[in-house]
Amino acid sequence: MNDDRRSHEASSLRAFFDEQLHHLQELVASLVNPGRNEGQGTCEDRRIVESFVDASNSKMRAVHGYSDKLRKHVRVLHNHVVQVADQVPPPVALNREALGTVPLVNALFVGGEDIDRLFNTDPEVNAYLRGHDKYQVPVLYALLTASKSEKPTLGVGLLGEKLIRDVPLQAVNFSAHKIHMPCASSAELSVALKNYLFGRVVTLVKQEMTSRMISQAVKPGDDAYASRVKSMANPDVYLNTLVEYLEIPARLLSIEKNRIKLSKLGIKLDSDDSQCANEFDIHELTWKGSTRNVLLQIARTR
């Protein structure tokens, strides 16, 4: 009796998650499908704009026609984010076995203990796994980011047949690994990837606008009313400044694919170097033209 009840509860729970995933997939498809009808497109555009306003600055709603002024720019921004997401390769296995079979994983992690530690100590992963047992989610999907740094060093190299010392080399290191958006399937992860990128961009936009507002703070001796009317504290000025800032989405987020060849010691090699090495593609995100992150989709069997 108890087994039947548990089976029924599990089936109901799976049906609920399937229904929610189907809704998310339909939503993303409607956002990127140019063949949708005009009425549906307008509704989805409005939904994106309102989500953007909620996340950035709800005071913009005080401006007459704010939605119309923002719609084109937010739509272009969202489409740009979707295009960036589409360039990220499918999930790669992230486990101890992958260290010996996937060059990118071998370069990102020193050993299997580092992979296990990352999953065991990540708060977002732990919270997700507590709510989903391995029968519900046998394979965990997620995003992984890491920082890549390069620094000059001196080492040993070959000049023809001669071994020489103090050769200028470039050492590559990966650090600050972090897992984001854990979920139950590759389809769900595809949606999560777009949400993650768009959410990060909106956060960066909000930080930039806040920074500009602080720099325009009214100073003692200024005409307080006139200064406020001209400053970004005025929703009209804020909206116009925001629209200008959104003109070129690639300044907020871009992605670059690079082919890298690393020795087992993490030294960057030329493409024609014959020594044993890891050779792989990495995809790096650049946020606001400065901060860079390696990004990949991952899958881990529980």
Protein backbone atom coordinates (compact mmCIF):
# COMPACT_ATOMS: atom_id res chain seq x y z
CA MET A 1 0.00 0.00 0.00
CA ASN A 2 2.74 2.42 0.97
CA ASP A 3 4.74 1.46 -2.12
CA ASP A 4 1.73 2.19 -4.36
CA ARG A 5 1.24 5.53 -2.66
CA ARG A 6 4.91 6.49 -3.04
CA SER A 7 4.81 5.42 -6.69
CA HIS A 8 1.72 7.57 -7.30
CA GLU A 9 3.36 10.57 -5.58
CA ALA A 10 6.54 10.15 -7.62
CA SER A 11 4.53 9.92 -10.85
CA SER A 12 2.59 13.06 -9.96
CA LEU A 13 5.80 14.92 -9.15
CA ARG A 14 7.40 13.87 -12.44
CA ALA A 15 4.29 15.01 -14.33
CA PHE A 16 4.44 18.38 -12.58
CA PHE A 17 8.10 18.93 -13.53
CA ASP A 18 7.45 17.77 -17.10
CA GLU A 19 4.62 20.28 -17.39
CA GLN A 20 6.80 23.11 -16.05
CA LEU A 21 9.67 22.19 -18.37
CA HIS A 22 7.29 22.10 -21.35
CA HIS A 23 6.07 25.59 -20.44
CA LEU A 24 9.65 26.89 -20.21
CA GLN A 25 10.54 25.36 -23.56
CA GLU A 26 7.49 26.93 -25.21
CA LEU A 27 8.38 30.31 -23.71
CA VAL A 28 11.95 30.23 -25.00
CA ALA A 29 10.77 29.01 -28.42
CA SER A 30 8.33 31.91 -28.63
CA LEU A 31 11.13 34.35 -27.80
CA VAL A 32 13.46 33.14 -30.53
CA ASN A 33 11.01 32.00 -33.23
CA PRO A 34 10.51 34.74 -35.83
CA GLY A 35 7.48 32.94 -37.24
CA ARG A 36 5.21 33.67 -34.27
CA ASN A 37 2.20 35.83 -35.00
CA GLU A 38 2.23 39.54 -34.26
CA GLY A 39 -0.18 39.37 -31.33
CA GLN A 40 1.82 36.66 -29.61
CA GLY A 41 5.06 38.51 -30.33
CA THR A 42 3.74 41.71 -28.78
CA CYS A 43 2.65 39.80 -25.67
CA GLU A 44 6.03 38.11 -25.28
CA ASP A 45 7.87 41.38 -25.91
CA ARG A 46 5.82 43.02 -23.19
CA ARG A 47 6.61 40.17 -20.80
CA ILE A 48 10.34 40.52 -21.44
CA VAL A 49 10.20 44.31 -21.02
CA GLU A 50 8.29 44.08 -17.74
CA SER A 51 10.72 41.48 -16.38
CA PHE A 52 13.60 43.74 -17.41
CA VAL A 53 12.01 46.77 -15.68
CA ASP A 54 11.31 44.75 -12.51
CA ALA A 55 14.95 43.62 -12.35
CA SER A 56 16.55 46.96 -13.24
CA ASN A 57 14.47 49.93 -12.00
CA SER A 58 10.71 49.85 -11.58
CA LYS A 59 10.59 53.67 -11.34
CA MET A 60 10.78 53.77 -15.14
CA ARG A 61 7.07 52.94 -15.13
CA ALA A 62 6.49 56.57 -14.17
CA VAL A 63 7.48 57.52 -17.74
CA HIS A 64 4.61 57.67 -20.22
CA GLY A 65 5.12 55.05 -22.93
CA TYR A 66 8.13 53.47 -21.18
CA SER A 67 7.28 50.03 -22.56
CA ASP A 68 7.25 51.22 -26.17
CA LYS A 69 10.55 53.06 -25.69
CA LEU A 70 12.22 50.00 -24.22
CA ARG A 71 10.68 47.23 -26.31
CA LYS A 72 13.00 47.39 -29.33
CA HIS A 73 16.18 47.70 -27.25
CA VAL A 74 15.29 44.97 -24.77
CA ARG A 75 14.23 42.66 -27.60
CA VAL A 76 17.55 43.25 -29.41
CA LEU A 77 19.41 42.63 -26.15
CA HIS A 78 17.51 39.42 -25.51
CA ASN A 79 18.09 38.15 -29.06
CA HIS A 80 21.80 38.89 -28.66
CA VAL A 81 21.90 36.85 -25.44
CA VAL A 82 20.15 33.96 -27.21
CA GLN A 83 22.73 34.10 -30.02
CA VAL A 84 25.56 33.99 -27.47
CA ALA A 85 23.92 31.01 -25.71
CA ASP A 86 23.60 29.16 -29.01
CA GLN A 87 27.40 29.25 -29.41
CA VAL A 88 28.02 27.34 -26.16
CA PRO A 89 28.68 23.63 -26.93
CA PRO A 90 26.48 20.81 -25.56
CA PRO A 91 27.13 19.46 -22.06
CA VAL A 92 30.35 17.56 -21.38
CA ALA A 93 30.71 14.84 -18.76
CA LEU A 94 32.30 16.10 -15.55
CA ASN A 95 33.58 13.22 -13.43
CA ARG A 96 36.79 11.40 -12.61
CA GLU A 97 36.66 9.33 -15.79
CA ALA A 98 36.47 12.50 -17.91
CA LEU A 99 39.92 13.53 -16.65
CA GLY A 100 41.39 10.86 -18.89
CA THR A 101 39.07 11.26 -21.87
CA VAL A 102 38.11 14.95 -22.15
CA PRO A 103 41.11 17.29 -22.63
CA LEU A 104 39.16 20.36 -21.48
CA VAL A 105 38.23 18.70 -18.18
CA ASN A 106 41.83 17.54 -17.73
CA ALA A 107 43.03 21.13 -18.17
CA LEU A 108 40.40 22.65 -15.87
CA PHE A 109 41.03 20.31 -12.91
CA VAL A 110 44.18 18.94 -11.32
CA GLY A 111 42.54 15.71 -10.15
CA GLY A 112 39.31 13.89 -9.40
CA GLU A 113 39.33 15.18 -5.82
CA ASP A 114 38.93 18.73 -7.13
CA ILE A 115 35.86 17.75 -9.14
CA ASP A 116 34.28 15.95 -6.17
CA ARG A 117 35.07 18.86 -3.85
CA LEU A 118 33.46 21.34 -6.22
CA PHE A 119 30.17 19.43 -6.28
CA ASN A 120 30.22 18.56 -2.57
CA THR A 121 30.80 22.13 -1.38
CA ASP A 122 28.74 24.18 -3.82
CA PRO A 123 25.68 25.60 -1.95
CA GLU A 124 23.50 25.81 -5.07
CA VAL A 125 24.17 22.18 -5.97
CA ASN A 126 23.60 20.99 -2.41
CA ALA A 127 20.28 22.83 -2.18
CA TYR A 128 19.14 21.34 -5.48
CA LEU A 129 20.16 17.78 -4.60
CA ARG A 130 18.36 17.94 -1.26
CA GLY A 131 15.13 18.51 -3.14
CA HIS A 132 15.74 15.94 -5.91
CA ASP A 133 16.83 12.37 -5.17
CA LYS A 134 18.85 10.34 -7.67
CA TYR A 135 15.76 8.50 -8.93
CA GLN A 136 14.15 11.79 -9.95
CA VAL A 137 17.40 13.26 -11.29
CA PRO A 138 19.90 10.49 -12.13
CA VAL A 139 22.07 12.94 -14.10
CA LEU A 140 22.72 16.46 -12.84
CA TYR A 141 23.08 19.16 -15.50
CA ALA A 142 24.52 22.62 -14.79
CA LEU A 143 26.67 25.48 -16.00
CA LEU A 144 30.31 25.77 -14.97
CA THR A 145 32.31 28.99 -15.01
CA ALA A 146 36.00 29.46 -14.29
CA SER A 147 38.56 32.24 -14.57
CA LYS A 148 41.50 31.77 -16.93
CA SER A 149 44.76 33.57 -16.25
CA GLU A 150 48.05 33.61 -18.13
CA LYS A 151 51.40 34.72 -16.79
CA PRO A 152 54.93 34.70 -18.20
CA THR A 153 57.44 32.27 -16.77
CA LEU A 154 60.83 30.78 -17.63
CA GLY A 155 61.40 27.12 -18.44
CA VAL A 156 63.25 24.61 -20.56
CA GLY A 157 62.80 24.39 -24.32
CA LEU A 158 64.32 23.01 -27.49
CA LEU A 159 66.21 25.04 -30.07
CA GLY A 160 66.62 22.59 -32.92
CA GLU A 161 68.22 19.59 -31.24
CA LYS A 162 69.64 21.61 -28.36
CA LEU A 163 68.06 21.84 -24.92
CA ILE A 164 68.16 25.39 -23.56
CA ARG A 165 67.14 26.95 -20.26
CA ASP A 166 65.36 30.18 -19.30
CA VAL A 167 63.04 30.04 -22.31
CA PRO A 168 60.14 32.55 -22.05
CA LEU A 169 56.91 30.56 -21.64
CA GLN A 170 53.28 31.29 -20.93
CA ALA A 171 51.65 29.43 -18.02
CA VAL A 172 47.85 29.05 -18.09
CA ASN A 173 45.83 28.56 -14.91
CA PHE A 174 42.12 28.01 -14.26
CA SER A 175 40.61 29.07 -10.93
CA ALA A 176 37.41 30.24 -9.18
CA HIS A 177 35.35 27.33 -10.51
CA LYS A 178 31.65 27.78 -9.82
CA ILE A 179 28.50 25.83 -10.67
CA HIS A 180 25.30 27.60 -11.70
CA MET A 181 21.70 26.65 -12.52
CA PRO A 182 21.65 22.91 -11.62
CA CYS A 183 18.79 21.09 -13.34
CA ALA A 184 17.55 17.70 -14.53
CA SER A 185 18.02 17.58 -18.32
CA SER A 186 19.89 19.10 -21.25
CA ALA A 187 16.66 20.70 -22.50
CA GLU A 188 16.13 22.34 -19.13
CA LEU A 189 19.77 23.44 -19.09
CA SER A 190 19.35 25.13 -22.48
CA VAL A 191 16.63 27.31 -20.97
CA ALA A 192 18.68 27.89 -17.81
CA LEU A 193 21.69 29.01 -19.86
CA LYS A 194 19.69 31.78 -21.55
CA ASN A 195 18.15 32.83 -18.24
CA TYR A 196 21.57 32.93 -16.58
CA LEU A 197 23.12 35.08 -19.30
CA PHE A 198 20.18 37.46 -19.53
CA GLY A 199 19.97 37.77 -15.74
CA ARG A 200 23.69 38.57 -15.47
CA VAL A 201 23.42 41.22 -18.19
CA VAL A 202 20.45 42.87 -16.47
CA THR A 203 22.38 42.92 -13.18
CA LEU A 204 25.36 44.58 -14.87
CA VAL A 205 23.07 47.17 -16.48
CA LYS A 206 21.53 47.96 -13.10
CA GLN A 207 24.98 48.33 -11.51
CA GLU A 208 26.09 50.71 -14.27
CA MET A 209 22.97 52.85 -13.95
CA THR A 210 23.32 52.95 -10.16
CA SER A 211 26.96 54.02 -10.50
CA ARG A 212 25.94 56.85 -12.82
CA MET A 213 23.20 57.97 -10.45
CA ILE A 214 25.66 58.13 -7.55
CA SER A 215 28.10 60.19 -9.62
CA GLN A 216 25.29 62.66 -10.34
CA ALA A 217 24.27 63.10 -6.70
CA VAL A 218 23.17 66.65 -5.86
CA LYS A 219 26.03 68.60 -4.27
CA PRO A 220 25.69 71.29 -1.56
CA GLY A 221 25.07 74.68 -3.13
CA ASP A 222 23.45 73.27 -6.29
CA ASP A 223 19.92 74.20 -7.28
CA ALA A 224 18.36 71.03 -5.89
CA TYR A 225 15.25 71.09 -8.10
CA ALA A 226 17.08 71.92 -11.36
CA SER A 227 19.79 69.36 -10.63
CA ARG A 228 17.23 66.66 -9.90
CA VAL A 229 15.30 67.36 -13.11
CA LYS A 230 18.48 66.96 -15.16
CA SER A 231 19.84 63.99 -13.21
CA MET A 232 19.09 60.28 -13.49
CA ALA A 233 16.89 60.56 -10.43
CA ASN A 234 14.37 61.82 -12.99
CA PRO A 235 12.79 58.67 -14.52
CA ASP A 236 12.72 60.30 -17.99
CA VAL A 237 16.45 60.99 -17.87
CA TYR A 238 17.11 57.52 -16.46
CA LEU A 239 15.14 55.87 -19.27
CA ASN A 240 16.84 57.87 -22.01
CA THR A 241 20.28 57.10 -20.54
CA LEU A 242 19.41 53.42 -20.31
CA VAL A 243 18.23 53.28 -23.92
CA GLU A 244 21.54 54.79 -25.06
CA TYR A 245 23.47 52.30 -22.94
CA LEU A 246 21.62 49.37 -24.52
CA GLU A 247 22.36 50.48 -28.08
CA ILE A 248 25.22 47.98 -28.59
CA PRO A 249 24.50 44.70 -26.72
CA ALA A 250 27.92 43.27 -27.62
CA ARG A 251 29.48 45.81 -25.26
CA LEU A 252 27.61 44.13 -22.40
CA LEU A 253 28.21 40.50 -23.35
CA SER A 254 30.26 38.74 -25.98
CA ILE A 255 31.66 35.25 -26.48
CA GLU A 256 34.94 34.16 -28.00
CA LYS A 257 36.05 30.68 -29.02
CA ASN A 258 39.76 29.89 -28.84
CA ARG A 259 41.78 26.77 -29.57
CA ILE A 260 44.33 26.09 -26.83
CA LYS A 261 47.14 23.58 -26.54
CA LEU A 262 48.57 23.03 -23.06
CA SER A 263 51.32 20.78 -21.80
CA LYS A 264 50.60 18.58 -18.80
CA LEU A 265 52.26 21.29 -16.69
CA GLY A 266 49.88 23.96 -17.98
CA ILE A 267 52.31 25.62 -20.38
CA LYS A 268 50.84 27.12 -23.53
CA LEU A 269 52.22 25.43 -26.65
CA ASP A 270 52.31 26.28 -30.33
CA SER A 271 49.87 24.34 -32.50
CA ASP A 272 52.73 22.47 -34.22
CA ASP A 273 54.43 21.43 -30.95
CA SER A 274 54.69 17.61 -30.90
CA GLN A 275 54.94 16.99 -27.16
CA CYS A 276 52.13 15.30 -25.24
CA ALA A 277 49.47 17.91 -24.52
CA ASN A 278 45.80 18.75 -24.03
CA GLU A 279 44.30 20.46 -27.07
CA PHE A 280 40.78 21.82 -26.82
CA ASP A 281 38.40 24.71 -27.55
CA ILE A 282 37.31 27.07 -24.80
CA HIS A 283 34.47 29.55 -24.92
CA GLU A 284 35.07 32.73 -22.94
CA LEU A 285 32.41 35.25 -22.03
CA THR A 286 33.37 38.90 -21.74
CA TRP A 287 31.10 40.99 -19.51
CA LYS A 288 31.06 44.75 -20.08
CA GLY A 289 34.28 44.50 -22.07
CA SER A 290 36.44 43.56 -19.08
CA THR A 291 35.52 40.61 -16.83
CA ARG A 292 36.08 37.28 -18.57
CA ASN A 293 34.82 33.80 -17.70
CA VAL A 294 35.25 30.40 -19.27
CA LEU A 295 31.76 28.87 -19.63
CA LEU A 296 30.68 25.31 -20.35
CA GLN A 297 27.65 23.12 -19.89
CA ILE A 298 28.26 20.00 -17.81
CA ALA A 299 26.57 16.70 -16.92
CA ARG A 300 27.36 14.52 -13.91
CA THR A 301 25.89 11.11 -13.18
CA ARG A 302 24.94 10.80 -9.53
